[in-house]
Amino acid sequence: MRDDYKNKMASKIAARYQDLEERIMQDIVRRIVKTGEITSTADWQINRLRILGYSSEDIEREIKKTLNASYPEMFELYDKVIEKEYVRDNDVYEQINAEYIPYDQNEQLNQITEAIIDQSCEDLENITNSLGFYLDYGNGRKVLTPLAQVYSGYLDAACYDIVTGAFDYNSVLRRVVTQLTNSGLRKIDYASGRADRVDVAARRAVMTAVSQITGKISEYNAQKLGTGYALGDVTLDYETKKCDYDRGRMFTVDAMDNIESAGIAFGRLSGEFLRTQVVPELDTWRLAKYAGYASGNNVVTGAIADGKAGIAAIRAGKTAIKNAEAKTETCYLFISTTLKGMIDDLDTTASKKAMEDWAGVIEVPASRFFDKVTLTKTGAGGFATTGGKAIDFLIVDKNAAIQYQKHTVSKIITPEQNQTADAWKFGYRTVGIAEAKDNKKVAIYVHKAGE
């Protein structure tokens, strides 16, 4: 690297570029030795050296020195490559001189350097911001260890190789993983206590950093060109969600009762329990939760006298959803059995149209369709809808729903395994969540029955 380049860069950045130049030159020479000519890839890498401040004279001198070639051999090598169609800049081989791009005029290198500085930590190292092998001393204080410094050094070199375009990312990642494993590393430990395989950790760290650096370069270009786009940031944060539905029940069937009923007593227990207890309760709870997220003009209360009034109400709901810039094609229409029957009885084009364009139309029995549900925690269990209003229909965009059953398990204990009684035992538990995304709640609409 030229002195005027070094003088205008931080020493640590300049050192990284010098290491990069050596790797590029070694790879160029390796390709020439292998094929006897300057290949397309070698030509590309030579042009990358030009971006790093090399003159054509510098490049020729370095190749000649590394190859230990004579001038006639260099002339022959250059004459052969000039005839190739893949050559990007003939002047590199035809006009051998000391001219180079001054640092202040080297826009491409300036962009890369500024982006790397922005991405780096305060000491201009650890471009990937990886915490591999750091120690956690509490209070958010992370301490750099010698092993962490070695690890981040390999990753930084990989980022320079890829961002400057000197090497392709697949080759670089293979090299980094090989270097790390040859050093005896098989996994990367983090201050949080997490550990990842070397290949997983390296790929994630390098590709994330490269993506962030190229993003910064794009911002630099946008500002330089005056594109008129205001710059913004996107921050991804994890939010802890707690499952608020946790229900379980254990049943016992005497072994003799089961024998005398030819196994029917226990055999039908689980199926009937799920059909008559679990599914109705879970449906009622979920629908009430989603109805509770509707707000403002998306909550309507009023009596629906007939099918025609029902069509008008659904059309109003569909309009509200569209005005919220949601698509009905991703929305489910939950409709009471009574209202669905009233609309179907019309048997008109309008009644059929009202049921179209939805992701799905689901009839809900009246006993499951309320805006408020209280789960009974003692005694016979079940749920109550006291104080809740009946729902005529509910529109929910599937993109708004957070619905997940985290844990569902059924357990069967035979009389032989039962240590407390000569009986079969059937246990069932399910844990889940039903919520709505904050920025998607406008895509939920509910129509409640009037008083």
Protein backbone atom coordinates (compact mmCIF):
# COMPACT_ATOMS: atom_id res chain seq x y z
CA MET A 1 0.00 0.00 0.00
CA ARG A 2 1.25 3.45 -0.92
CA ASP A 3 2.35 5.85 1.82
CA ASP A 4 -0.25 8.50 0.96
CA TYR A 5 -2.95 5.84 1.41
CA LYS A 6 -1.50 4.75 4.75
CA ASN A 7 -1.22 8.34 5.98
CA LYS A 8 -4.91 8.97 5.36
CA MET A 9 -6.15 5.79 7.04
CA ALA A 10 -6.15 4.57 10.61
CA SER A 11 -3.21 2.23 11.11
CA LYS A 12 -5.43 -0.77 11.90
CA ILE A 13 -7.47 -0.26 8.73
CA ALA A 14 -4.33 0.15 6.65
CA ALA A 15 -2.84 -3.05 8.14
CA ARG A 16 -5.98 -4.97 7.18
CA TYR A 17 -5.77 -3.68 3.61
CA GLN A 18 -2.10 -4.68 3.39
CA ASP A 19 -2.96 -8.19 4.53
CA LEU A 20 -5.72 -8.26 1.92
CA GLU A 21 -3.30 -7.18 -0.81
CA GLU A 22 -0.98 -10.03 0.08
CA ARG A 23 -3.82 -12.56 -0.08
CA ILE A 24 -4.92 -11.21 -3.46
CA MET A 25 -1.40 -11.34 -4.87
CA GLN A 26 -0.85 -14.87 -3.59
CA ASP A 27 -4.09 -16.00 -5.21
CA ILE A 28 -3.25 -14.30 -8.52
CA VAL A 29 0.13 -16.01 -8.62
CA ARG A 30 -1.40 -19.36 -7.64
CA ARG A 31 -3.75 -19.13 -10.61
CA ILE A 32 -0.99 -18.11 -13.02
CA VAL A 33 1.27 -20.95 -11.89
CA LYS A 34 -1.59 -23.46 -12.22
CA THR A 35 -2.75 -22.40 -15.72
CA GLY A 36 0.29 -20.67 -17.20
CA GLU A 37 -1.73 -17.53 -17.92
CA ILE A 38 -3.71 -14.71 -16.32
CA THR A 39 -7.18 -16.20 -15.93
CA SER A 40 -10.46 -14.27 -15.86
CA THR A 41 -10.53 -14.44 -12.06
CA ALA A 42 -6.90 -13.31 -11.83
CA ASP A 43 -7.71 -10.40 -14.16
CA TRP A 44 -10.59 -9.43 -11.87
CA GLN A 45 -8.31 -9.56 -8.84
CA ILE A 46 -5.71 -7.42 -10.60
CA ASN A 47 -8.39 -4.80 -11.13
CA ARG A 48 -9.25 -5.06 -7.41
CA LEU A 49 -5.61 -4.19 -6.67
CA ARG A 50 -6.07 -1.09 -8.79
CA ILE A 51 -8.94 -0.07 -6.51
CA LEU A 52 -6.66 -0.59 -3.52
CA GLY A 53 -4.25 2.03 -4.93
CA TYR A 54 -1.84 -0.04 -7.05
CA SER A 55 -0.48 1.35 -10.30
CA SER A 56 0.00 -0.95 -13.31
CA GLU A 57 3.74 -0.69 -12.62
CA ASP A 58 3.22 -1.80 -9.01
CA ILE A 59 1.17 -4.79 -10.15
CA GLU A 60 3.69 -5.90 -12.75
CA ARG A 61 6.54 -5.56 -10.28
CA GLU A 62 4.79 -7.59 -7.58
CA ILE A 63 3.73 -10.36 -9.97
CA LYS A 64 7.23 -10.52 -11.45
CA LYS A 65 8.81 -10.69 -7.99
CA THR A 66 6.43 -13.33 -6.66
CA LEU A 67 6.71 -15.47 -9.80
CA ASN A 68 10.47 -14.90 -9.95
CA ALA A 69 9.94 -14.26 -13.67
CA SER A 70 12.09 -12.39 -16.18
CA TYR A 71 10.88 -9.40 -18.20
CA PRO A 72 10.53 -11.46 -21.41
CA GLU A 73 8.35 -13.93 -19.49
CA MET A 74 6.21 -11.08 -18.16
CA PHE A 75 5.86 -9.61 -21.68
CA GLU A 76 4.68 -13.00 -22.95
CA LEU A 77 2.23 -13.36 -20.07
CA TYR A 78 0.75 -9.90 -20.72
CA ASP A 79 0.62 -10.37 -24.50
CA LYS A 80 -1.42 -13.55 -24.07
CA VAL A 81 -4.00 -12.00 -21.73
CA ILE A 82 -4.59 -8.91 -23.90
CA GLU A 83 -6.07 -11.19 -26.57
CA LYS A 84 -8.65 -12.60 -24.13
CA GLU A 85 -12.25 -11.38 -24.33
CA TYR A 86 -12.63 -11.35 -20.57
CA VAL A 87 -10.03 -8.63 -19.96
CA ARG A 88 -11.71 -5.72 -18.20
CA ASP A 89 -9.05 -3.02 -18.74
CA ASN A 90 -6.39 -3.46 -21.39
CA ASP A 91 -4.50 -0.42 -20.12
CA VAL A 92 -3.37 -2.41 -17.09
CA TYR A 93 -1.31 -4.63 -19.41
CA GLU A 94 -0.50 -2.23 -22.27
CA GLN A 95 0.39 0.99 -20.47
CA ILE A 96 2.78 0.06 -17.69
CA ASN A 97 3.35 3.22 -15.67
CA ALA A 98 3.34 4.65 -12.16
CA GLU A 99 -0.08 6.26 -12.43
CA TYR A 100 -2.55 5.30 -9.73
CA ILE A 101 -5.82 6.58 -8.30
CA PRO A 102 -5.12 9.16 -5.57
CA TYR A 103 -6.82 8.28 -2.31
CA ASP A 104 -9.02 11.39 -2.29
CA GLN A 105 -10.31 10.48 -5.76
CA ASN A 106 -10.74 6.78 -5.01
CA GLU A 107 -14.51 6.88 -4.41
CA GLN A 108 -14.97 3.13 -4.25
CA LEU A 109 -12.28 2.55 -1.62
CA ASN A 110 -13.49 5.57 0.36
CA GLN A 111 -16.98 4.14 0.49
CA ILE A 112 -15.74 0.75 1.65
CA THR A 113 -13.44 2.27 4.26
CA GLU A 114 -16.08 4.58 5.70
CA ALA A 115 -18.59 1.72 5.89
CA ILE A 116 -16.06 -0.51 7.67
CA ILE A 117 -15.25 2.25 10.18
CA ASP A 118 -18.97 2.76 10.89
CA GLN A 119 -19.41 -0.98 11.33
CA SER A 120 -16.35 -1.45 13.55
CA CYS A 121 -16.12 -1.13 17.30
CA GLU A 122 -14.31 1.86 18.83
CA ASP A 123 -10.92 0.23 18.37
CA LEU A 124 -11.65 -0.35 14.63
CA GLU A 125 -11.65 -4.11 15.17
CA ASN A 126 -14.31 -6.81 15.34
CA ILE A 127 -16.23 -5.70 12.27
CA THR A 128 -18.79 -8.47 12.79
CA ASN A 129 -19.43 -7.34 16.40
CA SER A 130 -19.34 -11.00 17.35
CA LEU A 131 -19.18 -11.82 21.07
CA GLY A 132 -17.60 -15.21 20.48
CA PHE A 133 -15.23 -16.09 23.37
CA TYR A 134 -15.99 -12.84 25.21
CA LEU A 135 -16.48 -13.13 28.97
CA ASP A 136 -19.50 -11.68 30.74
CA TYR A 137 -18.49 -9.84 33.92
CA GLY A 138 -22.06 -8.78 34.70
CA ASN A 139 -23.87 -5.46 34.36
CA GLY A 140 -23.62 -5.81 30.59
CA ARG A 141 -19.84 -5.65 30.68
CA LYS A 142 -18.23 -7.92 28.07
CA VAL A 143 -14.48 -8.54 28.30
CA LEU A 144 -12.28 -9.35 25.31
CA THR A 145 -10.11 -12.46 25.68
CA PRO A 146 -7.05 -13.41 23.59
CA LEU A 147 -9.07 -16.18 21.94
CA ALA A 148 -11.84 -13.72 21.09
CA GLN A 149 -9.26 -11.45 19.45
CA VAL A 150 -7.94 -14.30 17.30
CA TYR A 151 -11.46 -15.35 16.32
CA SER A 152 -12.58 -11.82 15.40
CA GLY A 153 -9.35 -11.36 13.42
CA TYR A 154 -10.25 -14.27 11.13
CA LEU A 155 -13.77 -12.89 10.69
CA ASP A 156 -12.54 -9.36 9.97
CA ALA A 157 -10.21 -10.63 7.25
CA ALA A 158 -13.11 -12.50 5.69
CA CYS A 159 -15.22 -9.35 5.64
CA TYR A 160 -12.48 -7.36 3.89
CA ASP A 161 -12.11 -10.12 1.28
CA ILE A 162 -15.81 -10.16 0.45
CA VAL A 163 -16.69 -6.46 0.70
CA THR A 164 -13.84 -5.39 -1.58
CA GLY A 165 -14.95 -7.98 -4.13
CA ALA A 166 -11.53 -9.64 -4.20
CA PHE A 167 -12.89 -13.09 -3.32
CA ASP A 168 -16.27 -14.79 -3.52
CA TYR A 169 -18.00 -15.43 -0.20
CA ASN A 170 -18.21 -19.23 -0.56
CA SER A 171 -14.44 -19.54 -0.95
CA VAL A 172 -13.83 -17.12 1.90
CA LEU A 173 -16.17 -18.92 4.30
CA ARG A 174 -14.60 -22.28 3.48
CA ARG A 175 -11.17 -20.80 4.15
CA VAL A 176 -12.21 -19.23 7.46
CA VAL A 177 -13.83 -22.44 8.73
CA THR A 178 -10.72 -24.39 7.74
CA GLN A 179 -8.46 -21.89 9.51
CA LEU A 180 -10.52 -22.03 12.68
CA THR A 181 -10.79 -25.83 12.76
CA ASN A 182 -7.06 -26.17 12.01
CA SER A 183 -6.52 -24.01 15.08
CA GLY A 184 -8.29 -26.66 17.12
CA LEU A 185 -11.68 -24.91 17.41
CA ARG A 186 -14.82 -26.97 16.96
CA LYS A 187 -17.40 -24.67 18.54
CA ILE A 188 -17.71 -20.99 19.41
CA ASP A 189 -18.71 -20.14 22.98
CA TYR A 190 -20.56 -16.91 23.73
CA ALA A 191 -20.81 -14.84 26.91
CA SER A 192 -24.51 -15.67 27.10
CA GLY A 193 -23.68 -19.35 27.58
CA ARG A 194 -24.70 -20.32 24.06
CA ALA A 195 -22.37 -22.35 21.84
CA ASP A 196 -22.49 -22.88 18.06
CA ARG A 197 -20.51 -25.03 15.64
CA VAL A 198 -17.64 -23.17 13.99
CA ASP A 199 -19.19 -23.22 10.50
CA VAL A 200 -22.57 -21.98 11.75
CA ALA A 201 -21.09 -19.17 13.87
CA ALA A 202 -18.62 -18.00 11.22
CA ARG A 203 -21.14 -17.97 8.38
CA ARG A 204 -23.72 -16.09 10.42
CA ALA A 205 -21.24 -13.50 11.72
CA VAL A 206 -19.55 -12.82 8.38
CA MET A 207 -22.65 -12.68 6.21
CA THR A 208 -24.49 -10.46 8.71
CA ALA A 209 -21.56 -8.03 8.81
CA VAL A 210 -21.18 -8.02 5.01
CA SER A 211 -24.89 -7.28 4.63
CA GLN A 212 -24.65 -4.41 7.09
CA ILE A 213 -21.53 -2.95 5.44
CA THR A 214 -23.06 -3.07 1.95
CA GLY A 215 -26.15 -1.40 3.41
CA LYS A 216 -23.98 1.44 4.69
CA ILE A 217 -22.36 1.77 1.26
CA SER A 218 -25.84 2.03 -0.29
CA GLU A 219 -26.70 4.81 2.17
CA TYR A 220 -23.45 6.60 1.24
CA ASN A 221 -24.36 6.40 -2.46
CA ALA A 222 -27.91 7.61 -1.81
CA GLN A 223 -26.62 10.68 0.03
CA LYS A 224 -23.96 11.34 -2.61
CA LEU A 225 -26.41 11.09 -5.49
CA GLY A 226 -29.13 13.06 -3.71
CA THR A 227 -31.79 10.49 -4.48
CA GLY A 228 -34.31 12.21 -2.23
CA TYR A 229 -34.81 9.19 0.00
CA ALA A 230 -34.78 9.90 3.71
CA LEU A 231 -32.63 7.43 5.58
CA GLY A 232 -34.28 5.24 8.20
CA ASP A 233 -33.34 2.42 10.50
CA VAL A 234 -34.97 -0.89 11.24
CA THR A 235 -34.43 -2.46 14.63
CA LEU A 236 -35.34 -6.09 15.27
CA ASP A 237 -36.02 -6.89 18.91
CA TYR A 238 -37.32 -10.03 20.56
CA GLU A 239 -40.42 -9.62 22.70
CA THR A 240 -41.21 -12.28 25.28
CA LYS A 241 -44.73 -13.65 24.92
CA LYS A 242 -46.20 -15.69 27.75
CA CYS A 243 -48.69 -18.46 27.09
CA ASP A 244 -51.94 -17.50 28.83
CA TYR A 245 -53.88 -20.70 28.23
CA ASP A 246 -52.78 -23.61 30.41
CA ARG A 247 -55.40 -26.26 31.09
CA GLY A 248 -55.17 -29.86 32.23
CA ARG A 249 -57.33 -32.66 33.59
CA MET A 250 -56.78 -36.20 34.90
CA PHE A 251 -59.51 -38.89 34.69
CA THR A 252 -59.73 -42.29 36.35
CA VAL A 253 -61.68 -45.33 35.08
CA ASP A 254 -61.87 -48.36 37.36
CA ALA A 255 -60.28 -51.42 35.76
CA MET A 256 -63.40 -53.60 36.38
CA ASP A 257 -65.74 -50.99 34.87
CA ASN A 258 -63.57 -50.95 31.79
CA ILE A 259 -63.51 -54.76 31.57
CA GLU A 260 -67.28 -55.07 32.00
CA SER A 261 -67.88 -52.49 29.27
CA ALA A 262 -65.57 -54.38 26.88
CA GLY A 263 -63.07 -51.52 26.96
CA ILE A 264 -65.63 -48.94 25.80
CA ALA A 265 -65.50 -46.92 29.03
CA PHE A 266 -61.85 -45.96 28.72
CA GLY A 267 -61.64 -46.24 24.94
CA ARG A 268 -64.20 -43.49 24.35
CA LEU A 269 -63.17 -41.30 27.25
CA SER A 270 -60.37 -39.40 25.47
CA GLY A 271 -62.32 -38.85 22.26
CA GLU A 272 -65.42 -37.58 24.04
CA PHE A 273 -63.37 -35.35 26.33
CA LEU A 274 -61.65 -33.67 23.38
CA ARG A 275 -64.88 -33.32 21.40
CA THR A 276 -67.17 -32.06 24.13
CA GLN A 277 -64.76 -30.19 26.43
CA VAL A 278 -61.36 -29.28 24.98
CA VAL A 279 -62.34 -28.09 21.49
CA PRO A 280 -65.39 -25.99 22.54
CA GLU A 281 -63.45 -24.31 25.33
CA LEU A 282 -60.39 -23.57 23.20
CA ASP A 283 -62.55 -22.20 20.36
CA THR A 284 -64.54 -19.98 22.71
CA TRP A 285 -61.43 -18.66 24.42
CA ARG A 286 -59.60 -17.87 21.17
CA LEU A 287 -62.55 -16.14 19.52
CA ALA A 288 -63.17 -14.03 22.61
CA LYS A 289 -59.49 -13.05 22.74
CA TYR A 290 -59.45 -11.96 19.08
CA ALA A 291 -62.74 -10.06 19.48
CA GLY A 292 -61.18 -8.18 22.37
CA TYR A 293 -58.42 -6.80 20.11
CA ALA A 294 -60.90 -5.05 17.80
CA SER A 295 -61.28 -1.38 18.64
CA GLY A 296 -62.82 1.90 17.55
CA ASN A 297 -65.04 1.72 14.47
CA ASN A 298 -64.13 -1.96 14.10
CA VAL A 299 -66.44 -2.81 17.00
CA VAL A 300 -70.14 -2.65 16.09
CA THR A 301 -73.08 -3.58 18.29
CA GLY A 302 -76.61 -3.91 16.99
CA ALA A 303 -79.42 -6.32 16.22
CA ILE A 304 -79.44 -8.00 12.81
CA ALA A 305 -83.09 -8.52 11.95
CA ASP A 306 -82.76 -10.65 8.83
CA GLY A 307 -80.41 -12.01 6.17
CA LYS A 308 -80.48 -8.79 4.15
CA ALA A 309 -79.36 -6.79 7.20
CA GLY A 310 -76.70 -9.45 7.79
CA ILE A 311 -75.31 -8.98 4.27
CA ALA A 312 -75.15 -5.21 4.80
CA ALA A 313 -73.34 -5.68 8.13
CA ILE A 314 -70.78 -8.05 6.62
CA ARG A 315 -70.26 -5.69 3.69
CA ALA A 316 -69.54 -2.88 6.18
CA GLY A 317 -67.02 -5.12 7.94
CA LYS A 318 -65.35 -6.00 4.66
CA THR A 319 -65.09 -2.31 3.77
CA ALA A 320 -63.53 -1.50 7.14
CA ILE A 321 -60.95 -4.25 6.66
CA LYS A 322 -60.06 -3.00 3.17
CA ASN A 323 -59.78 0.57 4.42
CA ALA A 324 -57.27 -0.73 6.96
CA GLU A 325 -55.29 -1.94 3.90
CA ALA A 326 -55.78 -5.59 4.77
CA LYS A 327 -56.79 -8.12 2.14
CA THR A 328 -59.98 -10.11 2.56
CA GLU A 329 -58.18 -13.00 0.86
CA THR A 330 -56.12 -13.42 4.05
CA CYS A 331 -59.05 -12.87 6.43
CA TYR A 332 -61.27 -15.50 8.01
CA LEU A 333 -64.96 -14.81 8.54
CA PHE A 334 -66.25 -16.46 11.71
CA ILE A 335 -70.03 -16.29 11.59
CA SER A 336 -72.74 -17.50 13.95
CA THR A 337 -74.75 -20.47 12.74
CA THR A 338 -77.95 -18.42 13.05
CA LEU A 339 -76.74 -15.52 10.90
CA LYS A 340 -75.23 -17.86 8.32
CA GLY A 341 -78.56 -19.63 7.98
CA MET A 342 -80.45 -16.36 7.55
CA ILE A 343 -78.12 -15.30 4.72
CA ASP A 344 -78.13 -18.72 3.03
CA ASP A 345 -81.94 -18.78 3.05
CA LEU A 346 -81.99 -15.70 0.80
CA ASP A 347 -80.27 -17.74 -1.93
CA THR A 348 -79.46 -14.63 -3.96
CA THR A 349 -76.41 -13.42 -5.79
CA ALA A 350 -75.81 -10.92 -2.97
CA SER A 351 -76.01 -13.64 -0.29
CA LYS A 352 -73.51 -15.78 -2.15
CA LYS A 353 -71.25 -12.80 -2.82
CA ALA A 354 -71.12 -12.03 0.90
CA MET A 355 -69.49 -15.43 1.51
CA GLU A 356 -66.86 -15.00 -1.23
CA ASP A 357 -63.33 -13.53 -1.25
CA TRP A 358 -62.48 -14.78 2.26
CA ALA A 359 -59.59 -17.04 3.24
CA GLY A 360 -62.33 -19.15 4.81
CA VAL A 361 -65.84 -18.95 6.22
CA ILE A 362 -66.27 -20.78 9.53
CA GLU A 363 -69.64 -21.34 11.22
CA VAL A 364 -69.52 -21.03 15.00
CA PRO A 365 -72.17 -22.51 17.34
CA ALA A 366 -73.89 -19.92 19.51
CA SER A 367 -72.52 -21.51 22.69
CA ARG A 368 -68.93 -20.71 21.61
CA PHE A 369 -69.38 -17.17 20.27
CA PHE A 370 -68.99 -14.49 22.97
CA ASP A 371 -66.75 -11.48 23.46
CA LYS A 372 -65.93 -12.42 27.06
CA VAL A 373 -65.01 -15.80 28.53
CA THR A 374 -63.99 -16.79 32.03
CA LEU A 375 -62.13 -20.08 32.43
CA THR A 376 -63.17 -22.02 35.52
CA LYS A 377 -60.09 -23.03 37.48
CA THR A 378 -61.68 -25.30 40.09
CA GLY A 379 -64.30 -28.00 40.38
CA ALA A 380 -65.63 -29.37 37.13
CA GLY A 381 -63.63 -26.88 35.08
CA GLY A 382 -65.07 -25.57 31.84
CA PHE A 383 -65.84 -21.93 31.12
CA ALA A 384 -68.48 -19.28 31.66
CA THR A 385 -69.66 -16.47 29.38
CA THR A 386 -71.37 -14.46 32.10
CA GLY A 387 -71.24 -10.76 31.27
CA GLY A 388 -70.21 -11.44 27.68
CA LYS A 389 -72.13 -10.37 24.58
CA ALA A 390 -72.99 -12.79 21.81
CA ILE A 391 -71.08 -12.25 18.57
CA ASP A 392 -72.80 -12.23 15.17
CA PHE A 393 -69.61 -12.39 13.15
CA LEU A 394 -65.87 -11.81 13.58
CA ILE A 395 -63.31 -11.00 10.88
CA VAL A 396 -59.68 -11.86 11.64
CA ASP A 397 -56.73 -11.41 9.30
CA LYS A 398 -54.49 -14.45 9.68
CA ASN A 399 -51.50 -12.11 9.45
CA ALA A 400 -52.72 -10.38 12.63
CA ALA A 401 -53.09 -13.49 14.75
CA ILE A 402 -50.46 -14.91 17.07
CA GLN A 403 -51.83 -18.39 17.68
CA TYR A 404 -49.72 -21.26 18.87
CA GLN A 405 -50.24 -24.32 21.07
CA LYS A 406 -46.80 -24.65 22.63
CA HIS A 407 -47.42 -27.85 24.54
CA THR A 408 -50.15 -30.46 24.05
CA VAL A 409 -49.77 -33.88 25.61
CA SER A 410 -52.02 -36.77 26.56
CA LYS A 411 -50.90 -39.38 29.05
CA ILE A 412 -52.27 -42.89 29.63
CA ILE A 413 -51.44 -44.86 32.78
CA THR A 414 -52.43 -48.53 32.87
CA PRO A 415 -53.75 -50.25 36.04
CA GLU A 416 -50.40 -52.07 36.27
CA GLN A 417 -48.53 -48.75 36.30
CA ASN A 418 -51.01 -47.03 38.61
CA GLN A 419 -49.59 -47.11 42.13
CA THR A 420 -52.64 -45.61 43.87
CA ALA A 421 -55.60 -47.57 42.45
CA ASP A 422 -56.61 -50.47 40.23
CA ALA A 423 -57.70 -48.14 37.49
CA TRP A 424 -56.86 -46.62 34.15
CA LYS A 425 -55.82 -42.98 34.22
CA PHE A 426 -56.06 -40.53 31.34
CA GLY A 427 -54.36 -37.16 31.60
CA TYR A 428 -54.53 -34.29 29.12
CA ARG A 429 -52.82 -30.90 29.12
CA THR A 430 -52.53 -28.13 26.55
CA VAL A 431 -50.69 -24.80 26.79
CA GLY A 432 -51.04 -22.08 24.20
CA ILE A 433 -51.35 -18.44 23.26
CA ALA A 434 -53.80 -16.36 21.22
CA GLU A 435 -52.89 -12.71 20.70
CA ALA A 436 -52.77 -10.11 17.94
CA LYS A 437 -49.85 -8.17 16.53
CA ASP A 438 -49.91 -4.53 17.59
CA ASN A 439 -49.61 -3.17 14.06
CA LYS A 440 -52.23 -5.57 12.65
CA LYS A 441 -55.08 -5.12 15.11
CA VAL A 442 -56.85 -2.85 12.62
CA ALA A 443 -57.46 -6.01 10.56
CA ILE A 444 -59.82 -7.43 13.22
CA TYR A 445 -63.53 -6.54 13.08
CA VAL A 446 -66.35 -7.73 15.34
CA HIS A 447 -70.12 -7.32 15.17
CA LYS A 448 -71.89 -8.04 18.47
CA ALA A 449 -75.55 -8.80 18.97
CA GLY A 450 -77.75 -6.01 20.29
CA GLU A 451 -79.42 -6.02 23.67
